Amino acid sequence: MAKRLEDLAPAGLLERARAAATLVDGVSRVRVFCHYDPDGTTSAAILTRALMRRGKRIHATMAHALDRSSAARLNEETNELLIVSDMGSAQLDLLESLPYPVIVLDHHKPIRDSDKLAHVNPHFEGVDGAREMCGATTTWLFTLVLDEANWDLAGPAMAGAIGDKQAVGGFLGVNAALFGEAIERKVVVAERRLALRDLPLGKAVAQSIDPYFRGLSGRPEAAAEFLRAAGIDPETSIRQLDAAGRRKLSSILAVRLLEQGPAPEALESLVEDRYWIEPDQMYAQDLEAYVNSCDRLDHEGLGLALCLGDREALAKAEKLLEEYTSRVLGYLVGLESKGLFPKKHIQFFYCDDASLAGSVAGTGMQFFFDQSKPVLGLSVLDGVTKASARATRTLVAAGVDLAVALREAGSEVGGNGGGHNIASGATVPKGKEEKFLALVDEIVARQLAAGPAKAQ
């Protein structure tokens, strides 16, 4: 029997979503403004599909940031309604000054609430936006309040949650409740299997980023030899292996991961629940991988088109995925040999592609970087330096909050920062990198000394 939304999400969160929904039916055009990553792009797709069903015209943008420049452009537009998703809770001052109604659908920890716009954020109801609800699931819940016909948008929402690393170790909280209901409604079908692409095994292991196999990922010849040594044909696929072959493959890959000293949660990534999206005829993990590669390589519109069901976009996205995988693996293989720059409480590296720094930092932090220190990937650009920081659950449990660390350190050097406790970003003036890193190091030291209770 289908469950009610009241059984799946906190009453206060639904009240906020319903208050926001009242702003929709009185307008004919909706401006959608979302973050550019998979969580934001899937949010844009969910909004676009749901609002077009209600006869609305849509103008959607995926942006790297909501800053004074983008707010100034929005201020010049004659919008009837603006919906901001996967960001906005940290930019309320900018949004409250706009001359038209605004809805914020965000999951990042808010600094404050607002009585000038509709603010839907799970943190207000005690739901952890870093683990239990992402931007896409917050957005999807909003569209379910609009019309429960939007249960069929579970796939893009799940892809967004996977992109936000909220599937690691299994979905929790409102994520688990909503996706469990989608499975009950047969919108999504779950199956348990090794987290490798359906390719010849030598290629699948060599192209694997999550999980990342030190010494094998990014090295086709080494991956093939590793499999042959275990008596597994590198030209065969997972589907072609019998049960004994699959067990052997799982075993040797698990041992390989253990030997490289990953984060405890990284071991959970080897075997995963893969989710087949019935309406979109695609695995949610594959949709996320395609969208992520489009976003990171500056083809956000292509990722959105794919989420909207454009099958012609799939072939283009496949090529971008191959390019993205190759580039990320190139950075990771290089860091295996070169190592990182250590400070007392953090570690860092330089990445000349700002769009890839977060992916490299996150993968390295999970699978082979020093687990005792958060990592920052720095990209020095024209006039500014962008930083992408990642931690582990163990570090967060010990008191680390990267959102606070990067916000405070960024502000101190004339920049800005924020995000989640486990994953955050900052933009600082070029030339201020050393001061910024020193401040982050000091703040992380204080957080660890204070411990989890005082650090929150």
Protein backbone atom coordinates (compact mmCIF):
# COMPACT_ATOMS: atom_id res chain seq x y z
CA MET A 1 0.00 0.00 0.00
CA ALA A 2 1.37 3.41 -0.99
CA LYS A 3 2.49 5.57 1.89
CA ARG A 4 1.54 9.20 2.42
CA LEU A 5 4.17 11.91 2.31
CA GLU A 6 3.40 12.54 5.98
CA ASP A 7 4.77 9.07 6.70
CA LEU A 8 8.00 9.74 4.81
CA ALA A 9 9.16 13.25 5.76
CA PRO A 10 8.93 15.53 8.83
CA ALA A 11 5.72 17.52 9.11
CA GLY A 12 7.60 20.82 9.39
CA LEU A 13 9.52 20.15 6.19
CA LEU A 14 6.29 19.35 4.36
CA GLU A 15 4.73 22.55 5.70
CA ARG A 16 7.62 24.55 4.28
CA ALA A 17 7.31 22.75 0.93
CA ARG A 18 3.56 23.38 0.82
CA ALA A 19 4.03 27.07 1.58
CA ALA A 20 6.55 27.26 -1.27
CA ALA A 21 4.21 25.37 -3.60
CA THR A 22 1.51 28.02 -3.20
CA LEU A 23 3.76 30.42 -5.14
CA VAL A 24 3.82 28.21 -8.25
CA ASP A 25 0.29 28.14 -9.59
CA GLY A 26 -0.08 31.90 -9.78
CA VAL A 27 2.69 32.30 -12.38
CA SER A 28 3.18 31.24 -15.98
CA ARG A 29 7.00 31.41 -16.13
CA VAL A 30 9.50 30.04 -13.61
CA ARG A 31 13.19 30.88 -13.43
CA VAL A 32 15.25 27.91 -12.19
CA PHE A 33 18.77 28.48 -10.85
CA CYS A 34 20.76 25.47 -9.62
CA HIS A 35 24.27 24.40 -8.75
CA TYR A 36 26.23 22.95 -11.67
CA ASP A 37 27.12 19.55 -10.14
CA PRO A 38 25.10 16.29 -10.45
CA ASP A 39 22.98 17.14 -7.42
CA GLY A 40 22.15 20.56 -8.86
CA THR A 41 21.66 19.42 -12.46
CA THR A 42 19.29 16.63 -11.44
CA SER A 43 17.45 19.18 -9.28
CA ALA A 44 17.05 21.39 -12.35
CA ALA A 45 15.74 18.42 -14.34
CA ILE A 46 13.26 17.47 -11.61
CA LEU A 47 11.94 21.03 -11.43
CA THR A 48 11.77 21.37 -15.21
CA ARG A 49 9.85 18.13 -15.69
CA ALA A 50 7.45 18.78 -12.82
CA LEU A 51 6.75 22.42 -13.71
CA MET A 52 6.29 21.75 -17.43
CA ARG A 53 3.62 19.23 -16.44
CA ARG A 54 1.82 22.13 -14.80
CA GLY A 55 2.04 24.15 -17.98
CA LYS A 56 4.85 26.45 -16.89
CA ARG A 57 7.52 27.89 -19.14
CA ILE A 58 11.01 27.34 -17.75
CA HIS A 59 14.33 29.13 -17.99
CA ALA A 60 16.96 26.97 -16.22
CA THR A 61 20.57 27.80 -15.40
CA MET A 62 23.25 25.67 -13.74
CA ALA A 63 25.91 27.87 -12.14
CA HIS A 64 29.15 27.34 -10.22
CA ALA A 65 28.08 29.82 -7.57
CA LEU A 66 25.37 32.20 -6.48
CA ASP A 67 27.37 35.36 -5.85
CA ARG A 68 26.95 39.12 -6.15
CA SER A 69 27.54 38.99 -9.89
CA SER A 70 24.89 36.36 -10.58
CA ALA A 71 22.49 38.03 -8.13
CA ALA A 72 22.96 41.31 -10.02
CA ARG A 73 22.03 39.56 -13.27
CA LEU A 74 18.99 37.99 -11.66
CA ASN A 75 17.98 41.39 -10.32
CA GLU A 76 17.88 42.75 -13.87
CA GLU A 77 15.54 39.97 -15.03
CA THR A 78 11.78 40.36 -15.03
CA ASN A 79 10.95 37.03 -13.43
CA GLU A 80 7.61 36.02 -12.00
CA LEU A 81 9.18 33.44 -9.68
CA LEU A 82 12.72 32.22 -9.01
CA ILE A 83 13.44 28.74 -7.64
CA VAL A 84 16.99 28.20 -6.41
CA SER A 85 18.02 24.61 -5.74
CA ASP A 86 21.09 22.96 -4.22
CA MET A 87 22.24 26.38 -3.02
CA GLY A 88 20.73 29.55 -1.65
CA SER A 89 20.65 28.93 2.11
CA ALA A 90 24.02 30.65 2.46
CA GLN A 91 23.07 33.49 0.11
CA LEU A 92 19.82 34.70 1.67
CA ASP A 93 20.98 38.33 1.79
CA LEU A 94 21.42 38.34 -2.00
CA LEU A 95 18.13 36.58 -2.69
CA GLU A 96 16.02 38.64 -0.30
CA SER A 97 16.88 41.78 -2.25
CA LEU A 98 15.37 40.48 -5.52
CA PRO A 99 12.16 42.20 -6.65
CA TYR A 100 10.09 39.01 -7.14
CA PRO A 101 9.16 35.88 -5.11
CA VAL A 102 11.92 33.37 -4.41
CA ILE A 103 11.87 29.72 -3.35
CA VAL A 104 15.07 28.18 -1.92
CA LEU A 105 15.34 24.37 -1.97
CA ASP A 106 18.67 23.64 -0.32
CA HIS A 107 20.29 21.02 1.89
CA HIS A 108 23.44 22.87 2.96
CA LYS A 109 23.48 23.92 6.60
CA PRO A 110 21.73 27.31 6.78
CA ILE A 111 23.21 30.23 8.67
CA ARG A 112 19.73 31.56 9.39
CA ASP A 113 16.11 31.38 8.24
CA SER A 114 14.18 33.99 6.24
CA ASP A 115 10.70 35.46 6.45
CA LYS A 116 11.10 37.19 3.07
CA LEU A 117 11.25 34.09 0.87
CA ALA A 118 10.11 30.45 0.93
CA HIS A 119 12.97 28.52 2.50
CA VAL A 120 12.85 24.70 2.34
CA ASN A 121 15.84 23.12 4.05
CA PRO A 122 15.88 19.77 5.91
CA HIS A 123 18.24 21.07 8.61
CA PHE A 124 15.40 23.12 10.12
CA GLU A 125 13.65 19.83 10.95
CA GLY A 126 16.69 18.01 12.31
CA VAL A 127 17.45 16.17 9.07
CA ASP A 128 21.15 16.02 8.17
CA GLY A 129 21.56 17.57 4.73
CA ALA A 130 25.00 16.03 4.35
CA ARG A 131 23.74 12.48 4.74
CA GLU A 132 19.95 12.14 4.89
CA MET A 133 18.71 14.49 2.18
CA CYS A 134 20.45 16.13 -0.79
CA GLY A 135 19.45 19.00 -3.03
CA ALA A 136 17.76 16.68 -5.51
CA THR A 137 15.71 14.84 -2.88
CA THR A 138 14.70 18.14 -1.26
CA THR A 139 13.63 19.34 -4.71
CA TRP A 140 11.86 16.07 -5.48
CA LEU A 141 9.91 16.29 -2.21
CA PHE A 142 8.83 19.79 -3.22
CA THR A 143 7.54 18.46 -6.56
CA LEU A 144 5.74 15.60 -4.79
CA VAL A 145 3.93 18.21 -2.72
CA LEU A 146 2.99 19.90 -6.00
CA ASP A 147 1.67 16.63 -7.47
CA GLU A 148 2.25 13.03 -6.43
CA ALA A 149 2.37 12.09 -10.10
CA ASN A 150 6.01 13.14 -9.72
CA TRP A 151 6.94 9.85 -8.02
CA ASP A 152 8.29 8.92 -11.45
CA LEU A 153 11.09 11.49 -10.93
CA ALA A 154 12.74 9.22 -8.35
CA GLY A 155 15.54 8.31 -10.79
CA PRO A 156 17.06 11.78 -11.25
CA ALA A 157 16.65 12.40 -7.49
CA MET A 158 18.53 9.19 -6.75
CA ALA A 159 21.25 10.11 -9.25
CA GLY A 160 21.63 13.44 -7.44
CA ALA A 161 21.94 11.71 -4.06
CA ILE A 162 24.54 9.32 -5.48
CA GLY A 163 26.46 12.28 -6.89
CA ASP A 164 26.40 13.90 -3.44
CA LYS A 165 27.90 10.67 -1.97
CA GLN A 166 24.78 10.06 0.13
CA ALA A 167 24.42 6.47 -1.08
CA VAL A 168 27.73 5.38 0.51
CA GLY A 169 26.86 2.81 3.15
CA GLY A 170 23.20 2.88 2.12
CA PHE A 171 20.61 5.64 2.08
CA LEU A 172 19.52 7.07 5.43
CA GLY A 173 16.74 9.24 6.80
CA VAL A 174 14.35 10.89 4.37
CA ASN A 175 16.46 9.62 1.45
CA ALA A 176 15.82 6.03 2.57
CA ALA A 177 12.13 6.66 3.16
CA LEU A 178 11.50 8.29 -0.21
CA PHE A 179 13.59 5.86 -2.24
CA GLY A 180 12.11 2.90 -0.38
CA GLU A 181 8.67 4.10 -1.40
CA ALA A 182 9.84 4.54 -5.00
CA ILE A 183 11.01 0.91 -4.96
CA GLU A 184 7.65 -0.17 -3.53
CA ARG A 185 5.94 1.69 -6.35
CA LYS A 186 8.30 -0.08 -8.82
CA VAL A 187 9.60 3.21 -10.20
CA VAL A 188 13.07 1.99 -9.24
CA VAL A 189 14.37 -1.60 -9.07
CA ALA A 190 17.31 -2.43 -6.77
CA GLU A 191 19.93 -5.12 -7.44
CA ARG A 192 23.08 -5.97 -5.46
CA ARG A 193 26.35 -6.30 -7.43
CA LEU A 194 30.00 -5.30 -7.74
CA ALA A 195 30.48 -1.59 -8.35
CA LEU A 196 32.15 -1.96 -11.74
CA ARG A 197 30.88 -0.84 -15.13
CA ASP A 198 29.58 -3.53 -17.46
CA LEU A 199 32.78 -3.67 -19.52
CA PRO A 200 35.51 -6.30 -20.04
CA LEU A 201 36.90 -6.72 -16.54
CA GLY A 202 40.40 -5.47 -17.35
CA LYS A 203 38.94 -2.25 -18.69
CA ALA A 204 36.34 -2.02 -15.89
CA VAL A 205 39.00 -2.23 -13.17
CA ALA A 206 41.37 0.14 -15.01
CA GLN A 207 38.59 2.72 -15.42
CA SER A 208 37.26 2.38 -11.87
CA ILE A 209 37.31 5.61 -9.86
CA ASP A 210 34.83 4.66 -7.14
CA PRO A 211 36.22 2.34 -5.89
CA TYR A 212 39.75 3.42 -6.83
CA PHE A 213 42.31 0.61 -6.85
CA ARG A 214 45.79 1.93 -6.17
CA GLY A 215 48.22 0.60 -8.76
CA LEU A 216 45.40 -0.69 -11.01
CA SER A 217 43.00 2.19 -11.71
CA GLY A 218 44.31 4.19 -14.65
CA ARG A 219 46.69 1.34 -15.60
CA PRO A 220 45.11 -1.07 -18.12
CA GLU A 221 48.10 -3.40 -18.37
CA ALA A 222 48.51 -3.70 -14.60
CA ALA A 223 44.77 -4.33 -14.18
CA ALA A 224 44.79 -7.07 -16.81
CA GLU A 225 47.85 -8.76 -15.28
CA PHE A 226 46.33 -8.57 -11.78
CA LEU A 227 43.23 -10.42 -13.02
CA ARG A 228 45.19 -13.01 -14.98
CA ALA A 229 47.32 -13.75 -11.91
CA ALA A 230 44.10 -14.55 -10.04
CA GLY A 231 42.91 -16.83 -12.85
CA ILE A 232 40.31 -14.39 -14.18
CA ASP A 233 40.13 -13.56 -17.88
CA PRO A 234 40.40 -9.74 -18.22
CA GLU A 235 38.35 -9.90 -21.41
CA THR A 236 35.31 -11.39 -19.71
CA SER A 237 32.57 -9.30 -18.04
CA ILE A 238 30.90 -9.59 -14.65
CA ARG A 239 27.76 -10.93 -16.31
CA GLN A 240 29.76 -13.76 -17.88
CA LEU A 241 31.29 -14.93 -14.59
CA ASP A 242 29.65 -17.77 -12.70
CA ALA A 243 28.90 -17.43 -8.98
CA ALA A 244 32.32 -18.78 -7.97
CA GLY A 245 34.05 -16.36 -10.36
CA ARG A 246 32.14 -13.40 -8.97
CA ARG A 247 33.04 -14.40 -5.42
CA LYS A 248 36.71 -14.70 -6.35
CA LEU A 249 36.68 -11.31 -8.07
CA SER A 250 34.99 -9.69 -5.08
CA SER A 251 37.51 -11.27 -2.72
CA ILE A 252 40.68 -10.19 -4.56
CA LEU A 253 39.39 -6.65 -5.06
CA ALA A 254 38.39 -6.37 -1.38
CA VAL A 255 41.88 -7.47 -0.33
CA ARG A 256 43.38 -4.93 -2.74
CA LEU A 257 41.33 -2.15 -1.17
CA LEU A 258 42.23 -3.20 2.38
CA GLU A 259 45.92 -3.16 1.54
CA GLN A 260 45.82 0.48 0.41
CA GLY A 261 44.38 1.76 3.70
CA PRO A 262 41.10 3.39 2.66
CA ALA A 263 38.52 5.14 4.82
CA PRO A 264 36.25 2.58 6.52
CA GLU A 265 33.26 3.70 4.45
CA ALA A 266 35.25 3.26 1.23
CA LEU A 267 35.19 -0.52 1.70
CA GLU A 268 31.40 -0.34 1.42
CA SER A 269 31.71 0.99 -2.13
CA LEU A 270 32.99 -2.28 -3.63
CA VAL A 271 29.60 -3.98 -3.60
CA GLU A 272 26.64 -1.67 -4.08
CA ASP A 273 22.94 -1.56 -4.66
CA ARG A 274 22.49 -0.56 -8.27
CA TYR A 275 19.15 1.06 -9.07
CA TRP A 276 17.41 0.57 -12.39
CA ILE A 277 15.16 3.55 -13.22
CA GLU A 278 12.12 2.17 -15.00
CA PRO A 279 10.83 5.45 -16.53
CA ASP A 280 14.31 6.40 -17.81
CA GLN A 281 15.52 2.86 -18.67
CA MET A 282 18.92 3.48 -17.13
CA TYR A 283 20.80 2.76 -13.90
CA ALA A 284 20.83 5.70 -11.49
CA GLN A 285 24.59 5.24 -11.05
CA ASP A 286 25.11 5.52 -14.81
CA LEU A 287 22.90 8.60 -15.04
CA GLU A 288 24.95 10.22 -12.28
CA ALA A 289 28.23 9.33 -14.01
CA TYR A 290 27.06 10.83 -17.31
CA VAL A 291 25.73 13.99 -15.67
CA ASN A 292 28.85 14.41 -13.56
CA SER A 293 31.15 14.17 -16.60
CA CYS A 294 28.98 16.68 -18.50
CA ASP A 295 29.01 19.10 -15.57
CA ARG A 296 32.72 18.82 -14.86
CA LEU A 297 33.63 19.32 -18.50
CA ASP A 298 31.41 22.43 -18.88
CA HIS A 299 28.54 20.76 -20.76
CA GLU A 300 25.89 21.26 -18.09
CA GLY A 301 23.18 21.72 -20.71
CA LEU A 302 23.93 18.27 -22.11
CA GLY A 303 23.62 16.72 -18.66
CA LEU A 304 20.27 18.44 -18.19
CA ALA A 305 19.09 17.25 -21.62
CA LEU A 306 20.00 13.68 -20.68
CA CYS A 307 18.00 13.97 -17.44
CA LEU A 308 15.06 15.28 -19.45
CA GLY A 309 15.06 12.11 -21.55
CA ASP A 310 16.97 13.25 -24.64
CA ARG A 311 18.39 9.94 -25.91
CA GLU A 312 20.50 11.68 -28.55
CA ALA A 313 22.43 13.27 -25.70
CA LEU A 314 23.47 9.82 -24.46
CA ALA A 315 26.12 9.16 -27.14
CA LYS A 316 27.69 12.58 -26.52
CA ALA A 317 27.60 12.00 -22.77
CA GLU A 318 29.32 8.63 -23.18
CA LYS A 319 32.28 10.32 -24.90
CA LEU A 320 32.45 12.96 -22.18
CA LEU A 321 32.39 10.25 -19.51
CA GLU A 322 35.40 8.58 -21.13
CA GLU A 323 37.25 11.91 -21.26
CA TYR A 324 36.36 12.79 -17.67
CA THR A 325 37.39 9.35 -16.38
CA SER A 326 40.73 9.60 -18.18
CA ARG A 327 41.47 13.05 -16.78
CA VAL A 328 40.53 12.24 -13.17
CA LEU A 329 42.54 9.02 -13.28
CA GLY A 330 45.50 10.95 -14.64
CA TYR A 331 45.50 13.25 -11.60
CA LEU A 332 45.05 10.39 -9.15
CA VAL A 333 47.81 8.26 -10.66
CA GLY A 334 50.11 11.30 -10.49
CA LEU A 335 49.28 11.87 -6.81
CA GLU A 336 50.02 8.22 -6.07
CA SER A 337 53.62 8.77 -7.12
CA LYS A 338 54.15 12.43 -6.16
CA GLY A 339 52.23 12.50 -2.90
CA LEU A 340 50.63 15.55 -1.28
CA PHE A 341 51.91 18.61 0.54
CA PRO A 342 51.44 17.97 4.29
CA LYS A 343 50.69 20.49 7.01
CA LYS A 344 50.19 19.59 10.65
CA HIS A 345 46.45 18.99 10.49
CA ILE A 346 45.58 19.12 6.77
CA GLN A 347 47.11 18.06 3.45
CA PHE A 348 46.77 19.64 0.02
CA PHE A 349 47.61 19.36 -3.67
CA TYR A 350 47.34 21.54 -6.75
CA CYS A 351 44.98 20.76 -9.61
CA ASP A 352 45.03 22.99 -12.70
CA ASP A 353 41.41 22.04 -13.52
CA ALA A 354 39.09 23.50 -10.89
CA SER A 355 36.15 21.43 -12.15
CA LEU A 356 38.00 18.19 -11.30
CA ALA A 357 39.63 19.16 -7.99
CA GLY A 358 36.68 18.08 -5.85
CA SER A 359 36.41 14.69 -7.56
CA VAL A 360 40.14 14.07 -7.19
CA ALA A 361 40.12 15.19 -3.54
CA GLY A 362 37.09 13.08 -2.68
CA THR A 363 38.36 9.92 -4.35
CA GLY A 364 41.85 10.26 -2.94
CA MET A 365 40.55 10.98 0.55
CA GLN A 366 38.40 7.86 0.49
CA PHE A 367 40.84 5.45 -1.04
CA PHE A 368 44.52 6.24 -0.47
CA PHE A 369 45.37 9.64 0.99
CA ASP A 370 46.42 10.00 4.65
CA GLN A 371 43.18 9.29 6.52
CA SER A 372 44.17 11.40 9.55
CA LYS A 373 44.00 14.77 7.76
CA PRO A 374 41.36 16.50 5.59
CA VAL A 375 42.56 17.26 2.06
CA LEU A 376 42.28 20.43 -0.02
CA GLY A 377 42.66 20.57 -3.79
CA LEU A 378 43.76 24.04 -4.94
CA SER A 379 43.21 25.43 -8.44
CA VAL A 380 45.02 28.72 -9.14
CA LEU A 381 43.04 30.70 -11.71
CA ASP A 382 43.08 34.26 -13.04
CA GLY A 383 42.83 36.46 -9.97
CA VAL A 384 41.43 33.82 -7.62
CA THR A 385 42.23 30.38 -6.25
CA LYS A 386 39.48 27.81 -5.77
CA ALA A 387 39.73 25.19 -3.03
CA SER A 388 37.82 21.92 -2.77
CA ALA A 389 38.10 20.22 0.62
CA ARG A 390 37.14 16.69 1.65
CA ALA A 391 37.20 14.74 4.93
CA THR A 392 36.06 11.30 6.08
CA ARG A 393 33.20 10.36 8.37
CA THR A 394 35.76 9.47 11.03
CA LEU A 395 37.23 12.97 10.90
CA VAL A 396 33.77 14.55 11.05
CA ALA A 397 32.91 12.35 14.04
CA ALA A 398 36.09 13.64 15.69
CA GLY A 399 34.90 17.24 15.28
CA VAL A 400 36.03 18.39 11.83
CA ASP A 401 33.60 20.73 10.07
CA LEU A 402 35.02 21.82 6.72
CA ALA A 403 32.11 24.17 6.01
CA VAL A 404 33.01 26.22 9.08
CA ALA A 405 36.76 25.95 8.45
CA LEU A 406 36.61 27.13 4.84
CA ARG A 407 34.02 29.82 5.53
CA GLU A 408 36.05 31.34 8.36
CA ALA A 409 39.43 31.01 6.65
CA GLY A 410 38.07 32.26 3.33
CA SER A 411 36.44 35.29 4.93
CA GLU A 412 39.65 36.12 6.80
CA VAL A 413 41.62 36.47 3.54
CA GLY A 414 38.92 38.35 1.62
CA GLY A 415 37.26 35.35 -0.01
CA ASN A 416 34.32 33.09 0.81
CA GLY A 417 33.63 29.44 1.51
CA GLY A 418 31.10 26.93 2.78
CA GLY A 419 29.35 23.65 2.09
CA HIS A 420 29.10 20.54 4.26
CA ASN A 421 31.10 19.37 7.24
CA ILE A 422 32.56 16.55 5.14
CA ALA A 423 32.86 18.37 1.79
CA SER A 424 33.28 22.08 1.26
CA GLY A 425 34.70 24.67 -1.12
CA ALA A 426 36.16 28.17 -1.06
CA THR A 427 37.29 30.94 -3.39
CA VAL A 428 40.13 33.17 -2.18
CA PRO A 429 42.19 35.96 -3.78
CA LYS A 430 45.20 34.76 -5.73
CA GLY A 431 48.34 35.09 -3.62
CA LYS A 432 46.51 34.39 -0.36
CA GLU A 433 46.82 30.61 -0.61
CA GLU A 434 49.47 30.18 2.10
CA LYS A 435 47.60 32.35 4.60
CA PHE A 436 44.35 30.55 3.78
CA LEU A 437 45.90 27.10 4.25
CA ALA A 438 47.50 28.17 7.53
CA LEU A 439 44.13 29.40 8.80
CA VAL A 440 42.35 26.19 7.75
CA ASP A 441 45.08 24.20 9.49
CA GLU A 442 44.60 26.20 12.69
CA ILE A 443 40.79 25.92 12.58
CA VAL A 444 40.87 22.15 11.98
CA ALA A 445 43.32 21.83 14.90
CA ARG A 446 40.86 23.69 17.16
CA GLN A 447 37.94 21.57 15.95
CA LEU A 448 39.80 18.34 16.68
CA ALA A 449 40.88 19.61 20.09
CA ALA A 450 37.31 20.62 20.95
CA GLY A 451 35.84 17.32 19.82
CA PRO A 452 32.49 16.63 18.18
CA ALA A 453 30.18 18.07 20.85
CA LYS A 454 31.84 21.47 20.99
CA ALA A 455 32.72 21.64 17.28
CA GLN A 456 29.15 21.51 16.03
